[in-house]
Amino acid sequence: MAKNFVQDGETITMTAPAAVASGAGVLVGAVFGVALGDAASGAVVEVKRRGVWDLAKATGQAWVADTTKLYWDNTAKNVTSTSAGNVLIGVARQAQASGDTVGRVLLTGQLS
């Protein structure tokens, strides 16, 4: 392996910007991921940047599997299909009805 390799970057340690529960979305600067444990504001938390996750979903939006681009609404702390003012995090992995409060999301690991 190359001597300059540091880590794969799939799971990283970050400082929680607010209290966060295990399994919740976390946005720190331009990096989004899912917390792998509970953390108080200012504490370190392990965050997974890729994979398929069931996350809090904005209601009033239907998603089409593998077609609907998804964004993190850092104010509402949920995933939305609304791009304006939000951070692109991935794509819907399954169809979701507009009334669903949880949606299946493929995190693609891109940065805002």
PDB file of N, CA and C in Angstrom:
ATOM      1  N   MET A   1       0.838  -1.179   0.000  1.00  0.00           N
ATOM      2  CA  MET A   1       0.000   0.000   0.000  1.00  0.00           C
ATOM      3  C   MET A   1       0.881   1.239   0.000  1.00  0.00           C
ATOM      4  N   ALA A   2       0.382   2.278  -0.614  1.00  0.00           N
ATOM      5  CA  ALA A   2       1.117   3.541  -0.648  1.00  0.00           C
ATOM      6  C   ALA A   2       1.352   4.047   0.773  1.00  0.00           C
ATOM      7  N   LYS A   3       2.486   4.624   0.995  1.00  0.00           N
ATOM      8  CA  LYS A   3       2.855   5.088   2.331  1.00  0.00           C
ATOM      9  C   LYS A   3       2.113   6.340   2.764  1.00  0.00           C
ATOM     10  N   ASN A   4       1.472   7.021   1.824  1.00  0.00           N
ATOM     11  CA  ASN A   4       0.773   8.253   2.184  1.00  0.00           C
ATOM     12  C   ASN A   4      -0.716   8.048   2.457  1.00  0.00           C
ATOM     13  N   PHE A   5      -1.211   6.797   2.404  1.00  0.00           N
ATOM     14  CA  PHE A   5      -2.611   6.499   2.710  1.00  0.00           C
ATOM     15  C   PHE A   5      -2.858   6.736   4.193  1.00  0.00           C
ATOM     16  N   VAL A   6      -3.957   7.436   4.518  1.00  0.00           N
ATOM     17  CA  VAL A   6      -4.274   7.736   5.911  1.00  0.00           C
ATOM     18  C   VAL A   6      -5.455   6.893   6.400  1.00  0.00           C
ATOM     19  N   GLN A   7      -6.601   6.951   5.708  1.00  0.00           N
ATOM     20  CA  GLN A   7      -7.779   6.160   6.064  1.00  0.00           C
ATOM     21  C   GLN A   7      -8.740   6.178   4.892  1.00  0.00           C
ATOM     22  N   ASP A   8      -9.735   5.276   4.901  1.00  0.00           N
ATOM     23  CA  ASP A   8     -10.664   5.232   3.773  1.00  0.00           C
ATOM     24  C   ASP A   8     -11.694   6.357   3.814  1.00  0.00           C
ATOM     25  N   GLY A   9     -11.908   6.994   4.951  1.00  0.00           N
ATOM     26  CA  GLY A   9     -12.805   8.136   5.042  1.00  0.00           C
ATOM     27  C   GLY A   9     -14.276   7.795   5.102  1.00  0.00           C
ATOM     28  N   GLU A  10     -14.617   6.514   5.125  1.00  0.00           N
ATOM     29  CA  GLU A  10     -16.023   6.118   5.215  1.00  0.00           C
ATOM     30  C   GLU A  10     -16.585   6.415   6.598  1.00  0.00           C
ATOM     31  N   THR A  11     -15.796   6.149   7.627  1.00  0.00           N
ATOM     32  CA  THR A  11     -16.157   6.481   8.999  1.00  0.00           C
ATOM     33  C   THR A  11     -15.105   7.442   9.508  1.00  0.00           C
ATOM     34  N   ILE A  12     -15.572   8.590   9.992  1.00  0.00           N
ATOM     35  CA  ILE A  12     -14.630   9.603  10.478  1.00  0.00           C
ATOM     36  C   ILE A  12     -15.079  10.107  11.849  1.00  0.00           C
ATOM     37  N   THR A  13     -14.137  10.656  12.576  1.00  0.00           N
ATOM     38  CA  THR A  13     -14.422  11.250  13.878  1.00  0.00           C
ATOM     39  C   THR A  13     -14.634  12.739  13.676  1.00  0.00           C
ATOM     40  N   MET A  14     -15.752  13.239  14.203  1.00  0.00           N
ATOM     41  CA  MET A  14     -16.086  14.650  14.067  1.00  0.00           C
ATOM     42  C   MET A  14     -16.500  15.189  15.431  1.00  0.00           C
ATOM     43  N   THR A  15     -16.581  16.492  15.529  1.00  0.00           N
ATOM     44  CA  THR A  15     -17.100  17.136  16.735  1.00  0.00           C
ATOM     45  C   THR A  15     -18.566  17.464  16.499  1.00  0.00           C
ATOM     46  N   ALA A  16     -19.429  16.946  17.344  1.00  0.00           N
ATOM     47  CA  ALA A  16     -20.872  17.177  17.193  1.00  0.00           C
ATOM     48  C   ALA A  16     -21.192  18.658  17.351  1.00  0.00           C
ATOM     49  N   PRO A  17     -21.876  19.255  16.378  1.00  0.00           N
ATOM     50  CA  PRO A  17     -22.220  20.677  16.465  1.00  0.00           C
ATOM     51  C   PRO A  17     -23.375  20.944  17.430  1.00  0.00           C
ATOM     52  N   ALA A  18     -24.088  19.899  17.785  1.00  0.00           N
ATOM     53  CA  ALA A  18     -25.213  19.952  18.729  1.00  0.00           C
ATOM     54  C   ALA A  18     -25.368  18.543  19.282  1.00  0.00           C
ATOM     55  N   ALA A  19     -26.191  18.368  20.284  1.00  0.00           N
ATOM     56  CA  ALA A  19     -26.449  17.020  20.788  1.00  0.00           C
ATOM     57  C   ALA A  19     -27.012  16.180  19.637  1.00  0.00           C
ATOM     58  N   VAL A  20     -26.536  14.948  19.517  1.00  0.00           N
ATOM     59  CA  VAL A  20     -26.962  14.080  18.430  1.00  0.00           C
ATOM     60  C   VAL A  20     -27.187  12.669  18.967  1.00  0.00           C
ATOM     61  N   ALA A  21     -28.219  12.020  18.445  1.00  0.00           N
ATOM     62  CA  ALA A  21     -28.534  10.648  18.830  1.00  0.00           C
ATOM     63  C   ALA A  21     -27.951   9.683  17.804  1.00  0.00           C
ATOM     64  N   SER A  22     -27.628   8.512  18.265  1.00  0.00           N
ATOM     65  CA  SER A  22     -27.150   7.459  17.365  1.00  0.00           C
ATOM     66  C   SER A  22     -28.157   7.247  16.238  1.00  0.00           C
ATOM     67  N   GLY A  23     -27.684   7.219  15.003  1.00  0.00           N
ATOM     68  CA  GLY A  23     -28.553   7.016  13.850  1.00  0.00           C
ATOM     69  C   GLY A  23     -29.094   8.293  13.238  1.00  0.00           C
ATOM     70  N   ALA A  24     -28.793   9.430  13.831  1.00  0.00           N
ATOM     71  CA  ALA A  24     -29.281  10.710  13.309  1.00  0.00           C
ATOM     72  C   ALA A  24     -28.274  11.317  12.344  1.00  0.00           C
ATOM     73  N   GLY A  25     -28.757  12.159  11.454  1.00  0.00           N
ATOM     74  CA  GLY A  25     -27.890  12.871  10.528  1.00  0.00           C
ATOM     75  C   GLY A  25     -27.096  13.945  11.242  1.00  0.00           C
ATOM     76  N   VAL A  26     -25.856  14.154  10.755  1.00  0.00           N
ATOM     77  CA  VAL A  26     -24.970  15.169  11.329  1.00  0.00           C
ATOM     78  C   VAL A  26     -24.316  15.924  10.180  1.00  0.00           C
ATOM     79  N   LEU A  27     -24.397  17.241  10.220  1.00  0.00           N
ATOM     80  CA  LEU A  27     -23.714  18.079   9.234  1.00  0.00           C
ATOM     81  C   LEU A  27     -22.714  18.945   9.973  1.00  0.00           C
ATOM     82  N   VAL A  28     -21.445  18.789   9.601  1.00  0.00           N
ATOM     83  CA  VAL A  28     -20.375  19.616  10.156  1.00  0.00           C
ATOM     84  C   VAL A  28     -19.663  20.259   8.980  1.00  0.00           C
ATOM     85  N   GLY A  29     -19.835  21.561   8.841  1.00  0.00           N
ATOM     86  CA  GLY A  29     -19.246  22.245   7.694  1.00  0.00           C
ATOM     87  C   GLY A  29     -19.830  21.686   6.411  1.00  0.00           C
ATOM     88  N   ALA A  30     -18.989  21.115   5.570  1.00  0.00           N
ATOM     89  CA  ALA A  30     -19.419  20.560   4.292  1.00  0.00           C
ATOM     90  C   ALA A  30     -19.564  19.047   4.331  1.00  0.00           C
ATOM     91  N   VAL A  31     -19.406  18.430   5.505  1.00  0.00           N
ATOM     92  CA  VAL A  31     -19.405  16.968   5.619  1.00  0.00           C
ATOM     93  C   VAL A  31     -20.682  16.495   6.316  1.00  0.00           C
ATOM     94  N   PHE A  32     -21.412  15.572   5.649  1.00  0.00           N
ATOM     95  CA  PHE A  32     -22.616  14.975   6.222  1.00  0.00           C
ATOM     96  C   PHE A  32     -22.394  13.492   6.443  1.00  0.00           C
ATOM     97  N   GLY A  33     -22.965  13.000   7.536  1.00  0.00           N
ATOM     98  CA  GLY A  33     -22.947  11.566   7.797  1.00  0.00           C
ATOM     99  C   GLY A  33     -23.980  11.212   8.845  1.00  0.00           C
ATOM    100  N   VAL A  34     -23.977   9.951   9.239  1.00  0.00           N
ATOM    101  CA  VAL A  34     -24.899   9.441  10.247  1.00  0.00           C
ATOM    102  C   VAL A  34     -24.098   9.102  11.493  1.00  0.00           C
ATOM    103  N   ALA A  35     -24.548   9.623  12.635  1.00  0.00           N
ATOM    104  CA  ALA A  35     -23.866   9.379  13.899  1.00  0.00           C
ATOM    105  C   ALA A  35     -23.966   7.906  14.275  1.00  0.00           C
ATOM    106  N   LEU A  36     -22.840   7.336  14.673  1.00  0.00           N
ATOM    107  CA  LEU A  36     -22.818   5.927  15.069  1.00  0.00           C
ATOM    108  C   LEU A  36     -22.996   5.750  16.572  1.00  0.00           C
ATOM    109  N   GLY A  37     -23.143   6.852  17.280  1.00  0.00           N
ATOM    110  CA  GLY A  37     -23.392   6.819  18.719  1.00  0.00           C
ATOM    111  C   GLY A  37     -23.959   8.147  19.156  1.00  0.00           C
ATOM    112  N   ASP A  38     -24.460   8.188  20.386  1.00  0.00           N
ATOM    113  CA  ASP A  38     -24.951   9.450  20.946  1.00  0.00           C
ATOM    114  C   ASP A  38     -23.769  10.354  21.265  1.00  0.00           C
ATOM    115  N   ALA A  39     -23.972  11.662  21.169  1.00  0.00           N
ATOM    116  CA  ALA A  39     -22.910  12.614  21.536  1.00  0.00           C
ATOM    117  C   ALA A  39     -23.538  13.921  21.987  1.00  0.00           C
ATOM    118  N   ALA A  40     -22.936  14.510  22.987  1.00  0.00           N
ATOM    119  CA  ALA A  40     -23.342  15.836  23.438  1.00  0.00           C
ATOM    120  C   ALA A  40     -22.728  16.877  22.508  1.00  0.00           C
ATOM    121  N   SER A  41     -23.282  18.061  22.518  1.00  0.00           N
ATOM    122  CA  SER A  41     -22.718  19.148  21.726  1.00  0.00           C
ATOM    123  C   SER A  41     -21.257  19.361  22.111  1.00  0.00           C
ATOM    124  N   GLY A  42     -20.377  19.406  21.110  1.00  0.00           N
ATOM    125  CA  GLY A  42     -18.952  19.616  21.342  1.00  0.00           C
ATOM    126  C   GLY A  42     -18.169  18.347  21.609  1.00  0.00           C
ATOM    127  N   ALA A  43     -18.861  17.213  21.767  1.00  0.00           N
ATOM    128  CA  ALA A  43     -18.185  15.932  21.999  1.00  0.00           C
ATOM    129  C   ALA A  43     -17.819  15.296  20.660  1.00  0.00           C
ATOM    130  N   VAL A  44     -16.886  14.381  20.681  1.00  0.00           N
ATOM    131  CA  VAL A  44     -16.528  13.673  19.449  1.00  0.00           C
ATOM    132  C   VAL A  44     -17.555  12.583  19.182  1.00  0.00           C
ATOM    133  N   VAL A  45     -17.799  12.335  17.897  1.00  0.00           N
ATOM    134  CA  VAL A  45     -18.741  11.309  17.473  1.00  0.00           C
ATOM    135  C   VAL A  45     -18.218  10.670  16.193  1.00  0.00           C
ATOM    136  N   GLU A  46     -18.351   9.359  16.102  1.00  0.00           N
ATOM    137  CA  GLU A  46     -18.007   8.653  14.873  1.00  0.00           C
ATOM    138  C   GLU A  46     -19.177   8.809  13.907  1.00  0.00           C
ATOM    139  N   VAL A  47     -18.869   9.142  12.658  1.00  0.00           N
ATOM    140  CA  VAL A  47     -19.883   9.408  11.646  1.00  0.00           C
ATOM    141  C   VAL A  47     -19.586   8.569  10.410  1.00  0.00           C
ATOM    142  N   LYS A  48     -20.608   7.906   9.882  1.00  0.00           N
ATOM    143  CA  LYS A  48     -20.501   7.110   8.652  1.00  0.00           C
ATOM    144  C   LYS A  48     -20.999   7.964   7.498  1.00  0.00           C
ATOM    145  N   ARG A  49     -20.164   8.135   6.455  1.00  0.00           N
ATOM    146  CA  ARG A  49     -20.468   9.046   5.348  1.00  0.00           C
ATOM    147  C   ARG A  49     -21.186   8.409   4.169  1.00  0.00           C
ATOM    148  N   ARG A  50     -21.215   7.101   4.068  1.00  0.00           N
ATOM    149  CA  ARG A  50     -21.835   6.415   2.931  1.00  0.00           C
ATOM    150  C   ARG A  50     -22.708   5.277   3.421  1.00  0.00           C
ATOM    151  N   GLY A  51     -23.481   4.731   2.513  1.00  0.00           N
ATOM    152  CA  GLY A  51     -24.317   3.579   2.832  1.00  0.00           C
ATOM    153  C   GLY A  51     -25.790   3.901   2.688  1.00  0.00           C
ATOM    154  N   VAL A  52     -26.622   2.902   2.974  1.00  0.00           N
ATOM    155  CA  VAL A  52     -28.072   3.051   2.882  1.00  0.00           C
ATOM    156  C   VAL A  52     -28.618   3.123   4.305  1.00  0.00           C
ATOM    157  N   TRP A  53     -29.388   4.185   4.564  1.00  0.00           N
ATOM    158  CA  TRP A  53     -29.881   4.474   5.913  1.00  0.00           C
ATOM    159  C   TRP A  53     -31.353   4.835   5.875  1.00  0.00           C
ATOM    160  N   ASP A  54     -32.078   4.501   6.924  1.00  0.00           N
ATOM    161  CA  ASP A  54     -33.425   5.006   7.138  1.00  0.00           C
ATOM    162  C   ASP A  54     -33.281   6.247   8.009  1.00  0.00           C
ATOM    163  N   LEU A  55     -33.675   7.406   7.456  1.00  0.00           N
ATOM    164  CA  LEU A  55     -33.491   8.688   8.141  1.00  0.00           C
ATOM    165  C   LEU A  55     -34.799   9.461   8.213  1.00  0.00           C
ATOM    166  N   ALA A  56     -34.863  10.399   9.149  1.00  0.00           N
ATOM    167  CA  ALA A  56     -36.035  11.272   9.271  1.00  0.00           C
ATOM    168  C   ALA A  56     -36.275  11.963   7.932  1.00  0.00           C
ATOM    169  N   LYS A  57     -37.532  11.955   7.487  1.00  0.00           N
ATOM    170  CA  LYS A  57     -37.908  12.483   6.171  1.00  0.00           C
ATOM    171  C   LYS A  57     -38.905  13.632   6.315  1.00  0.00           C
ATOM    172  N   ALA A  58     -38.746  14.645   5.498  1.00  0.00           N
ATOM    173  CA  ALA A  58     -39.733  15.724   5.421  1.00  0.00           C
ATOM    174  C   ALA A  58     -41.026  15.164   4.845  1.00  0.00           C
ATOM    175  N   THR A  59     -42.148  15.497   5.448  1.00  0.00           N
ATOM    176  CA  THR A  59     -43.433  15.047   4.900  1.00  0.00           C
ATOM    177  C   THR A  59     -43.864  15.986   3.784  1.00  0.00           C
ATOM    178  N   GLY A  60     -44.859  15.546   3.031  1.00  0.00           N
ATOM    179  CA  GLY A  60     -45.380  16.366   1.934  1.00  0.00           C
ATOM    180  C   GLY A  60     -44.626  16.166   0.635  1.00  0.00           C
ATOM    181  N   GLN A  61     -43.711  15.188   0.604  1.00  0.00           N
ATOM    182  CA  GLN A  61     -42.921  14.910  -0.599  1.00  0.00           C
ATOM    183  C   GLN A  61     -42.938  13.409  -0.875  1.00  0.00           C
ATOM    184  N   ALA A  62     -43.222  13.062  -2.114  1.00  0.00           N
ATOM    185  CA  ALA A  62     -43.086  11.665  -2.537  1.00  0.00           C
ATOM    186  C   ALA A  62     -41.721  11.518  -3.195  1.00  0.00           C
ATOM    187  N   TRP A  63     -41.059  10.395  -2.944  1.00  0.00           N
ATOM    188  CA  TRP A  63     -39.743  10.137  -3.533  1.00  0.00           C
ATOM    189  C   TRP A  63     -39.848   8.960  -4.495  1.00  0.00           C
ATOM    190  N   VAL A  64     -39.090   9.014  -5.569  1.00  0.00           N
ATOM    191  CA  VAL A  64     -39.001   7.923  -6.527  1.00  0.00           C
ATOM    192  C   VAL A  64     -37.655   7.235  -6.314  1.00  0.00           C
ATOM    193  N   ALA A  65     -37.672   5.925  -6.150  1.00  0.00           N
ATOM    194  CA  ALA A  65     -36.448   5.160  -5.896  1.00  0.00           C
ATOM    195  C   ALA A  65     -35.405   5.389  -6.982  1.00  0.00           C
ATOM    196  N   ASP A  66     -34.181   5.603  -6.562  1.00  0.00           N
ATOM    197  CA  ASP A  66     -33.006   5.738  -7.425  1.00  0.00           C
ATOM    198  C   ASP A  66     -33.091   6.903  -8.407  1.00  0.00           C
ATOM    199  N   THR A  67     -34.020   7.820  -8.187  1.00  0.00           N
ATOM    200  CA  THR A  67     -34.218   8.960  -9.073  1.00  0.00           C
ATOM    201  C   THR A  67     -34.210  10.281  -8.315  1.00  0.00           C
ATOM    202  N   THR A  68     -34.858  10.324  -7.153  1.00  0.00           N
ATOM    203  CA  THR A  68     -35.014  11.575  -6.413  1.00  0.00           C
ATOM    204  C   THR A  68     -33.738  11.917  -5.668  1.00  0.00           C
ATOM    205  N   LYS A  69     -33.120  13.044  -6.029  1.00  0.00           N
ATOM    206  CA  LYS A  69     -31.958  13.538  -5.283  1.00  0.00           C
ATOM    207  C   LYS A  69     -32.436  14.035  -3.931  1.00  0.00           C
ATOM    208  N   LEU A  70     -31.623  13.788  -2.908  1.00  0.00           N
ATOM    209  CA  LEU A  70     -32.012  14.136  -1.552  1.00  0.00           C
ATOM    210  C   LEU A  70     -31.012  15.072  -0.898  1.00  0.00           C
ATOM    211  N   TYR A  71     -31.533  15.903  -0.005  1.00  0.00           N
ATOM    212  CA  TYR A  71     -30.774  16.971   0.633  1.00  0.00           C
ATOM    213  C   TYR A  71     -31.008  16.939   2.139  1.00  0.00           C
ATOM    214  N   TRP A  72     -30.038  17.422   2.899  1.00  0.00           N
ATOM    215  CA  TRP A  72     -30.186  17.535   4.345  1.00  0.00           C
ATOM    216  C   TRP A  72     -30.650  18.942   4.678  1.00  0.00           C
ATOM    217  N   ASP A  73     -31.777  19.015   5.398  1.00  0.00           N
ATOM    218  CA  ASP A  73     -32.289  20.281   5.911  1.00  0.00           C
ATOM    219  C   ASP A  73     -31.754  20.393   7.338  1.00  0.00           C
ATOM    220  N   ASN A  74     -30.731  21.192   7.531  1.00  0.00           N
ATOM    221  CA  ASN A  74     -30.072  21.269   8.828  1.00  0.00           C
ATOM    222  C   ASN A  74     -30.890  22.022   9.871  1.00  0.00           C
ATOM    223  N   THR A  75     -31.902  22.767   9.438  1.00  0.00           N
ATOM    224  CA  THR A  75     -32.793  23.436  10.383  1.00  0.00           C
ATOM    225  C   THR A  75     -33.824  22.445  10.918  1.00  0.00           C
ATOM    226  N   ALA A  76     -34.473  21.717  10.017  1.00  0.00           N
ATOM    227  CA  ALA A  76     -35.490  20.736  10.409  1.00  0.00           C
ATOM    228  C   ALA A  76     -34.873  19.406  10.853  1.00  0.00           C
ATOM    229  N   LYS A  77     -33.584  19.210  10.545  1.00  0.00           N
ATOM    230  CA  LYS A  77     -32.873  17.961  10.881  1.00  0.00           C
ATOM    231  C   LYS A  77     -33.541  16.754  10.226  1.00  0.00           C
ATOM    232  N   ASN A  78     -33.860  16.911   8.917  1.00  0.00           N
ATOM    233  CA  ASN A  78     -34.410  15.784   8.173  1.00  0.00           C
ATOM    234  C   ASN A  78     -33.993  15.847   6.707  1.00  0.00           C
ATOM    235  N   VAL A  79     -34.323  14.783   6.003  1.00  0.00           N
ATOM    236  CA  VAL A  79     -33.978  14.659   4.585  1.00  0.00           C
ATOM    237  C   VAL A  79     -35.158  15.154   3.762  1.00  0.00           C
ATOM    238  N   THR A  80     -34.846  15.897   2.709  1.00  0.00           N
ATOM    239  CA  THR A  80     -35.860  16.510   1.864  1.00  0.00           C
ATOM    240  C   THR A  80     -35.445  16.408   0.397  1.00  0.00           C
ATOM    241  N   SER A  81     -36.424  16.538  -0.478  1.00  0.00           N
ATOM    242  CA  SER A  81     -36.115  16.606  -1.906  1.00  0.00           C
ATOM    243  C   SER A  81     -35.985  18.055  -2.372  1.00  0.00           C
ATOM    244  N   THR A  82     -36.092  18.997  -1.448  1.00  0.00           N
ATOM    245  CA  THR A  82     -35.951  20.425  -1.756  1.00  0.00           C
ATOM    246  C   THR A  82     -34.486  20.816  -1.720  1.00  0.00           C
ATOM    247  N   SER A  83     -33.974  21.314  -2.819  1.00  0.00           N
ATOM    248  CA  SER A  83     -32.553  21.656  -2.899  1.00  0.00           C
ATOM    249  C   SER A  83     -32.227  23.025  -2.298  1.00  0.00           C
ATOM    250  N   ALA A  84     -33.124  23.988  -2.439  1.00  0.00           N
ATOM    251  CA  ALA A  84     -32.843  25.364  -2.027  1.00  0.00           C
ATOM    252  C   ALA A  84     -32.501  25.452  -0.539  1.00  0.00           C
ATOM    253  N   GLY A  85     -31.309  25.942  -0.246  1.00  0.00           N
ATOM    254  CA  GLY A  85     -30.874  26.141   1.121  1.00  0.00           C
ATOM    255  C   GLY A  85     -30.432  24.890   1.853  1.00  0.00           C
ATOM    256  N   ASN A  86     -30.392  23.761   1.157  1.00  0.00           N
ATOM    257  CA  ASN A  86     -30.045  22.487   1.782  1.00  0.00           C
ATOM    258  C   ASN A  86     -28.815  21.872   1.138  1.00  0.00           C
ATOM    259  N   VAL A  87     -28.295  20.805   1.748  1.00  0.00           N
ATOM    260  CA  VAL A  87     -27.040  20.185   1.326  1.00  0.00           C
ATOM    261  C   VAL A  87     -27.317  18.841   0.665  1.00  0.00           C
ATOM    262  N   LEU A  88     -26.851  18.657  -0.575  1.00  0.00           N
ATOM    263  CA  LEU A  88     -27.018  17.387  -1.282  1.00  0.00           C
ATOM    264  C   LEU A  88     -26.301  16.271  -0.527  1.00  0.00           C
ATOM    265  N   ILE A  89     -27.040  15.182  -0.225  1.00  0.00           N
ATOM    266  CA  ILE A  89     -26.434  14.065   0.508  1.00  0.00           C
ATOM    267  C   ILE A  89     -26.532  12.732  -0.223  1.00  0.00           C
ATOM    268  N   GLY A  90     -27.457  12.598  -1.190  1.00  0.00           N
ATOM    269  CA  GLY A  90     -27.589  11.312  -1.863  1.00  0.00           C
ATOM    270  C   GLY A  90     -28.842  11.224  -2.691  1.00  0.00           C
ATOM    271  N   VAL A  91     -29.428  10.007  -2.690  1.00  0.00           N
ATOM    272  CA  VAL A  91     -30.585   9.717  -3.530  1.00  0.00           C
ATOM    273  C   VAL A  91     -31.519   8.761  -2.784  1.00  0.00           C
ATOM    274  N   ALA A  92     -32.810   8.832  -3.124  1.00  0.00           N
ATOM    275  CA  ALA A  92     -33.777   7.909  -2.529  1.00  0.00           C
ATOM    276  C   ALA A  92     -33.442   6.489  -2.950  1.00  0.00           C
ATOM    277  N   ARG A  93     -33.459   5.570  -2.019  1.00  0.00           N
ATOM    278  CA  ARG A  93     -33.152   4.175  -2.341  1.00  0.00           C
ATOM    279  C   ARG A  93     -34.422   3.369  -2.521  1.00  0.00           C
ATOM    280  N   GLN A  94     -35.536   3.887  -2.007  1.00  0.00           N
ATOM    281  CA  GLN A  94     -36.829   3.252  -2.254  1.00  0.00           C
ATOM    282  C   GLN A  94     -37.892   4.336  -2.373  1.00  0.00           C
ATOM    283  N   ALA A  95     -38.996   4.002  -3.015  1.00  0.00           N
ATOM    284  CA  ALA A  95     -40.099   4.955  -3.143  1.00  0.00           C
ATOM    285  C   ALA A  95     -40.669   5.257  -1.767  1.00  0.00           C
ATOM    286  N   GLN A  96     -41.002   6.515  -1.541  1.00  0.00           N
ATOM    287  CA  GLN A  96     -41.592   6.943  -0.275  1.00  0.00           C
ATOM    288  C   GLN A  96     -42.824   7.777  -0.581  1.00  0.00           C
ATOM    289  N   ALA A  97     -43.879   7.555   0.194  1.00  0.00           N
ATOM    290  CA  ALA A  97     -45.115   8.326   0.060  1.00  0.00           C
ATOM    291  C   ALA A  97     -44.939   9.690   0.726  1.00  0.00           C
ATOM    292  N   SER A  98     -45.751  10.641   0.332  1.00  0.00           N
ATOM    293  CA  SER A  98     -45.618  11.998   0.869  1.00  0.00           C
ATOM    294  C   SER A  98     -45.838  12.060   2.377  1.00  0.00           C
ATOM    295  N   GLY A  99     -46.608  11.166   2.930  1.00  0.00           N
ATOM    296  CA  GLY A  99     -46.869  11.176   4.362  1.00  0.00           C
ATOM    297  C   GLY A  99     -45.823  10.458   5.205  1.00  0.00           C
ATOM    298  N   ASP A 100     -44.884   9.773   4.569  1.00  0.00           N
ATOM    299  CA  ASP A 100     -43.851   9.037   5.316  1.00  0.00           C
ATOM    300  C   ASP A 100     -42.984   9.998   6.126  1.00  0.00           C
ATOM    301  N   THR A 101     -42.633   9.589   7.339  1.00  0.00           N
ATOM    302  CA  THR A 101     -41.763  10.401   8.192  1.00  0.00           C
ATOM    303  C   THR A 101     -40.341   9.856   8.243  1.00  0.00           C
ATOM    304  N   VAL A 102     -40.144   8.678   7.644  1.00  0.00           N
ATOM    305  CA  VAL A 102     -38.821   8.065   7.531  1.00  0.00           C
ATOM    306  C   VAL A 102     -38.637   7.639   6.088  1.00  0.00           C
ATOM    307  N   GLY A 103     -37.435   7.865   5.553  1.00  0.00           N
ATOM    308  CA  GLY A 103     -37.160   7.489   4.174  1.00  0.00           C
ATOM    309  C   GLY A 103     -35.841   6.755   4.064  1.00  0.00           C
ATOM    310  N   ARG A 104     -35.761   5.860   3.091  1.00  0.00           N
ATOM    311  CA  ARG A 104     -34.534   5.102   2.846  1.00  0.00           C
ATOM    312  C   ARG A 104     -33.649   5.897   1.891  1.00  0.00           C
ATOM    313  N   VAL A 105     -32.425   6.203   2.354  1.00  0.00           N
ATOM    314  CA  VAL A 105     -31.517   7.116   1.666  1.00  0.00           C
ATOM    315  C   VAL A 105     -30.193   6.431   1.382  1.00  0.00           C
ATOM    316  N   LEU A 106     -29.718   6.568   0.149  1.00  0.00           N
ATOM    317  CA  LEU A 106     -28.358   6.145  -0.198  1.00  0.00           C
ATOM    318  C   LEU A 106     -27.464   7.363  -0.068  1.00  0.00           C
ATOM    319  N   LEU A 107     -26.623   7.374   0.976  1.00  0.00           N
ATOM    320  CA  LEU A 107     -25.648   8.452   1.141  1.00  0.00           C
ATOM    321  C   LEU A 107     -24.497   8.197   0.183  1.00  0.00           C
ATOM    322  N   THR A 108     -24.182   9.186  -0.614  1.00  0.00           N
ATOM    323  CA  THR A 108     -23.128   9.020  -1.628  1.00  0.00           C
ATOM    324  C   THR A 108     -21.809   9.637  -1.234  1.00  0.00           C
ATOM    325  N   GLY A 109     -21.760  10.302  -0.081  1.00  0.00           N
ATOM    326  CA  GLY A 109     -20.495  10.803   0.448  1.00  0.00           C
ATOM    327  C   GLY A 109     -19.969  12.075  -0.185  1.00  0.00           C
ATOM    328  N   GLN A 110     -20.766  12.726  -1.038  1.00  0.00           N
ATOM    329  CA  GLN A 110     -20.288  13.972  -1.630  1.00  0.00           C
ATOM    330  C   GLN A 110     -20.248  15.073  -0.601  1.00  0.00           C
ATOM    331  N   LEU A 111     -19.515  16.096  -0.885  1.00  0.00           N
ATOM    332  CA  LEU A 111     -19.400  17.252   0.010  1.00  0.00           C
ATOM    333  C   LEU A 111     -20.180  18.401  -0.586  1.00  0.00           C
ATOM    334  N   SER A 112     -20.692  19.241   0.279  1.00  0.00           N
ATOM    335  CA  SER A 112     -21.467  20.391  -0.208  1.00  0.00           C
ATOM    336  C   SER A 112     -20.544  21.461  -0.762  1.00  0.00           C
TER     337      SER A 112
END
